[in-house]
C-alpha atoms as a PDB file:
ATOM      1  CA  MET A   1     100.894  91.534  96.217  1.00  0.00           C
ATOM      2  CA  GLU A   2     103.468  90.010  95.120  1.00  0.00           C
ATOM      3  CA  THR A   3     106.025  92.638  95.961  1.00  0.00           C
ATOM      4  CA  LEU A   4     104.451  92.734  99.507  1.00  0.00           C
ATOM      5  CA  HIS A   5     105.201  89.833 100.192  1.00  0.00           C
ATOM      6  CA  VAL A   6     108.320  89.773  99.529  1.00  0.00           C
ATOM      7  CA  PHE A   7     108.755  93.151 101.866  1.00  0.00           C
ATOM      8  CA  LEU A   8     107.190  91.879 104.518  1.00  0.00           C
ATOM      9  CA  ARG A   9     109.496  88.332 104.553  1.00  0.00           C
ATOM     10  CA  GLU A  10     112.558  90.626 104.315  1.00  0.00           C
ATOM     11  CA  LYS A  11     111.111  92.538 107.189  1.00  0.00           C
ATOM     12  CA  GLY A  12     110.249  88.934 109.212  1.00  0.00           C
ATOM     13  CA  GLU A  13     105.972  89.407 108.992  1.00  0.00           C
ATOM     14  CA  ASP A  14     105.298  87.524 106.227  1.00  0.00           C
ATOM     15  CA  ALA A  15     103.334  85.126 108.140  1.00  0.00           C
ATOM     16  CA  LYS A  16     101.315  87.422 109.865  1.00  0.00           C
ATOM     17  CA  LYS A  17      98.087  88.134 108.485  1.00  0.00           C
ATOM     18  CA  THR A  18      98.039  91.891 106.668  1.00  0.00           C
ATOM     19  CA  HIS A  19      94.806  93.082 105.445  1.00  0.00           C
ATOM     20  CA  ILE A  20      94.355  95.355 101.653  1.00  0.00           C
ATOM     21  CA  LEU A  21      92.189  97.652 101.682  1.00  0.00           C
ATOM     22  CA  PHE A  22      89.930  98.865  98.100  1.00  0.00           C
ATOM     23  CA  GLU A  23      87.511 101.340  97.413  1.00  0.00           C
ATOM     24  CA  CYS A  24      84.382  99.833  97.102  1.00  0.00           C
ATOM     25  CA  ARG A  25      83.630 101.018  93.089  1.00  0.00           C
ATOM     26  CA  VAL A  26      80.358  99.476  91.858  1.00  0.00           C
ATOM     27  CA  ASP A  27      79.199  95.786  92.668  1.00  0.00           C
ATOM     28  CA  LYS A  28      80.352  93.944  89.483  1.00  0.00           C
ATOM     29  CA  GLU A  29      84.116  96.185  89.465  1.00  0.00           C
ATOM     30  CA  ASP A  30      84.264  95.159  93.146  1.00  0.00           C
ATOM     31  CA  ARG A  31      83.096  90.929  92.960  1.00  0.00           C
ATOM     32  CA  ASP A  32      85.406  91.258  90.233  1.00  0.00           C
ATOM     33  CA  LEU A  33      88.371  92.756  92.278  1.00  0.00           C
ATOM     34  CA  GLU A  34      87.899  90.090  94.818  1.00  0.00           C
ATOM     35  CA  LEU A  35      88.304  87.295  93.360  1.00  0.00           C
ATOM     36  CA  GLU A  36      90.934  88.109  92.116  1.00  0.00           C
ATOM     37  CA  PHE A  37      92.819  89.469  95.104  1.00  0.00           C
ATOM     38  CA  ARG A  38      90.931  85.514  96.348  1.00  0.00           C
ATOM     39  CA  ARG A  39      93.430  84.049  93.647  1.00  0.00           C
ATOM     40  CA  VAL A  40      95.984  85.618  93.834  1.00  0.00           C
ATOM     41  CA  CYS A  41      96.600  84.804  97.423  1.00  0.00           C
ATOM     42  CA  ASP A  42      95.551  81.076  96.569  1.00  0.00           C
ATOM     43  CA  GLY A  43      99.251  80.698  94.612  1.00  0.00           C
ATOM     44  CA  ASN A  44      97.992  82.095  91.632  1.00  0.00           C
ATOM     45  CA  ASN A  45     100.853  84.595  91.401  1.00  0.00           C
ATOM     46  CA  ARG A  46     104.783  84.404  90.172  1.00  0.00           C
ATOM     47  CA  LEU A  47     105.426  82.958  93.157  1.00  0.00           C
ATOM     48  CA  GLY A  48     103.362  79.871  93.287  1.00  0.00           C
ATOM     49  CA  LYS A  49     103.029  80.519  97.127  1.00  0.00           C
ATOM     50  CA  SER A  50      99.499  81.358  98.816  1.00  0.00           C
ATOM     51  CA  LEU A  51      99.483  84.585 100.648  1.00  0.00           C
ATOM     52  CA  PRO A  52      98.415  85.982 104.258  1.00  0.00           C
ATOM     53  CA  PHE A  53      96.485  89.318 102.696  1.00  0.00           C
ATOM     54  CA  GLU A  54      92.855  89.607 103.189  1.00  0.00           C
ATOM     55  CA  ILE A  55      90.166  92.460 101.574  1.00  0.00           C
ATOM     56  CA  LEU A  56      88.760  94.718 103.002  1.00  0.00           C
ATOM     57  CA  MET A  57      86.760  96.326 100.861  1.00  0.00           C
ATOM     58  CA  ALA A  58      85.722 100.723 102.104  1.00  0.00           C
ATOM     59  CA  ASP A  59      83.552 102.591 101.460  1.00  0.00           C
ATOM     60  CA  LYS A  60      84.206 106.187 100.018  1.00  0.00           C
ATOM     61  CA  LYS A  61      82.368 107.769 102.542  1.00  0.00           C
ATOM     62  CA  VAL A  62      85.093 106.478 105.229  1.00  0.00           C
ATOM     63  CA  MET A  63      87.274 109.708 104.548  1.00  0.00           C
ATOM     64  CA  SER A  64      90.249 106.966 105.568  1.00  0.00           C
ATOM     65  CA  SER A  65      93.577 108.786 105.608  1.00  0.00           C
ATOM     66  CA  GLY A  66      95.368 105.674 104.018  1.00  0.00           C
ATOM     67  CA  LEU A  67      92.796 106.027 100.853  1.00  0.00           C
ATOM     68  CA  GLN A  68      93.502 109.262 101.079  1.00  0.00           C
ATOM     69  CA  LEU A  69      97.027 109.856 100.778  1.00  0.00           C
ATOM     70  CA  ALA A  70      96.761 107.084  97.534  1.00  0.00           C
ATOM     71  CA  ASP A  71      94.691 109.617  96.054  1.00  0.00           C
ATOM     72  CA  LEU A  72      97.016 111.596  96.492  1.00  0.00           C
ATOM     73  CA  VAL A  73     100.270 109.439  94.502  1.00  0.00           C
ATOM     74  CA  ALA A  74      98.482 108.388  92.234  1.00  0.00           C
ATOM     75  CA  ARG A  75      97.645 110.946  90.048  1.00  0.00           C
ATOM     76  CA  PRO A  76     101.466 111.843  89.920  1.00  0.00           C
ATOM     77  CA  ILE A  77     102.403 107.929  89.514  1.00  0.00           C
ATOM     78  CA  GLY A  78     100.033 107.788  87.060  1.00  0.00           C
ATOM     79  CA  LEU A  79     101.157 111.054  85.022  1.00  0.00           C
ATOM     80  CA  SER A  80     104.728 109.699  85.201  1.00  0.00           C
ATOM     81  CA  THR A  81     103.748 106.180  83.278  1.00  0.00           C
ATOM     82  CA  LEU A  82     101.334 108.633  80.673  1.00  0.00           C
ATOM     83  CA  ARG A  83     103.596 111.063  79.596  1.00  0.00           C
ATOM     84  CA  PRO A  84     107.153 110.154  81.113  1.00  0.00           C
ATOM     85  CA  ASP A  85     108.761 113.299  79.434  1.00  0.00           C
ATOM     86  CA  GLN A  86     106.885 115.760  81.218  1.00  0.00           C
ATOM     87  CA  PRO A  87     108.632 117.324  84.407  1.00  0.00           C
ATOM     88  CA  ASN A  88     106.990 116.008  87.351  1.00  0.00           C
ATOM     89  CA  ARG A  89     108.093 116.826  90.795  1.00  0.00           C
ATOM     90  CA  ALA A  90     105.907 114.847  92.987  1.00  0.00           C
ATOM     91  CA  PHE A  91     107.093 111.898  91.128  1.00  0.00           C
ATOM     92  CA  GLU A  92     110.765 112.714  91.878  1.00  0.00           C
ATOM     93  CA  VAL A  93     109.272 112.691  95.364  1.00  0.00           C
ATOM     94  CA  LEU A  94     107.483 109.337  95.589  1.00  0.00           C
ATOM     95  CA  LYS A  95     110.021 107.276  92.923  1.00  0.00           C
ATOM     96  CA  GLN A  96     112.906 107.930  96.938  1.00  0.00           C
ATOM     97  CA  LYS A  97     109.905 105.618  98.518  1.00  0.00           C
ATOM     98  CA  PHE A  98     109.653 102.752  95.697  1.00  0.00           C
ATOM     99  CA  TYR A  99     110.893  99.248  97.165  1.00  0.00           C
ATOM    100  CA  CYS A 100     113.421  98.973  94.682  1.00  0.00           C
ATOM    101  CA  ASP A 101     115.996  96.928  93.961  1.00  0.00           C
ATOM    102  CA  GLY A 102     119.329  97.467  96.024  1.00  0.00           C
ATOM    103  CA  GLY A 103     117.948  98.302  98.987  1.00  0.00           C
ATOM    104  CA  ARG A 104     117.133 101.436 100.498  1.00  0.00           C
ATOM    105  CA  SER A 105     120.609 102.399  99.751  1.00  0.00           C
ATOM    106  CA  SER A 106     119.523 101.295  95.772  1.00  0.00           C
ATOM    107  CA  ALA A 107     116.266 104.391  96.593  1.00  0.00           C
ATOM    108  CA  GLY A 108     114.699 106.355  93.481  1.00  0.00           C
ATOM    109  CA  LYS A 109     116.449 103.907  91.129  1.00  0.00           C
ATOM    110  CA  GLY A 110     115.559  99.651  90.189  1.00  0.00           C
ATOM    111  CA  TYR A 111     112.010 100.312  91.439  1.00  0.00           C
ATOM    112  CA  GLU A 112     110.601  99.267  87.428  1.00  0.00           C
ATOM    113  CA  GLY A 113     108.302  95.946  88.083  1.00  0.00           C
ATOM    114  CA  VAL A 114     109.951  96.029  91.284  1.00  0.00           C
ATOM    115  CA  GLY A 115     108.366  99.008  93.694  1.00  0.00           C
ATOM    116  CA  MET A 116     106.159 100.133  90.812  1.00  0.00           C
ATOM    117  CA  LYS A 117     104.312  97.830  88.348  1.00  0.00           C
ATOM    118  CA  VAL A 118     102.153  98.805  85.275  1.00  0.00           C
ATOM    119  CA  PHE A 119      99.621  96.845  84.101  1.00  0.00           C
ATOM    120  CA  PRO A 120      99.998  96.028  81.541  1.00  0.00           C
ATOM    121  CA  ALA A 121     103.066  95.524  80.967  1.00  0.00           C
ATOM    122  CA  PRO A 122     104.704  97.988  78.470  1.00  0.00           C
ATOM    123  CA  LYS A 123     105.491  95.078  75.218  1.00  0.00           C
ATOM    124  CA  SER A 124     109.072  95.493  75.010  1.00  0.00           C
ATOM    125  CA  GLU A 125     108.988  94.836  79.466  1.00  0.00           C
ATOM    126  CA  LYS A 126     109.052  90.996  81.027  1.00  0.00           C
ATOM    127  CA  PRO A 127     107.187  90.866  84.552  1.00  0.00           C
ATOM    128  CA  ARG A 128     109.174  90.149  87.608  1.00  0.00           C
END
């Protein structure tokens, strides 16, 4: 969410309310997610500032095109993290789309810890 805010600031859209959609799971997980979401938006983030985001929870039955797209990209991203030495053609395409250090001219490199963050962070990597 911090990186999203930085991206929106670059585009001059950071003061506008932005809705972030999550797929519902079970009640306790949904409540925990919403609580943490609100903490981050209230300033408990690396920027130390309030973020103008609003949470939306969608049932799996909604058939949202955005959630379907998220499902399509989640597997290649997860596999690249869990099995970095395994060939992954889908991830090679996707990594060109991540927010990167250096902007669009650096597409496909400098995305680790910027446009793609892994939590918990590996011990050798400090979060940005």
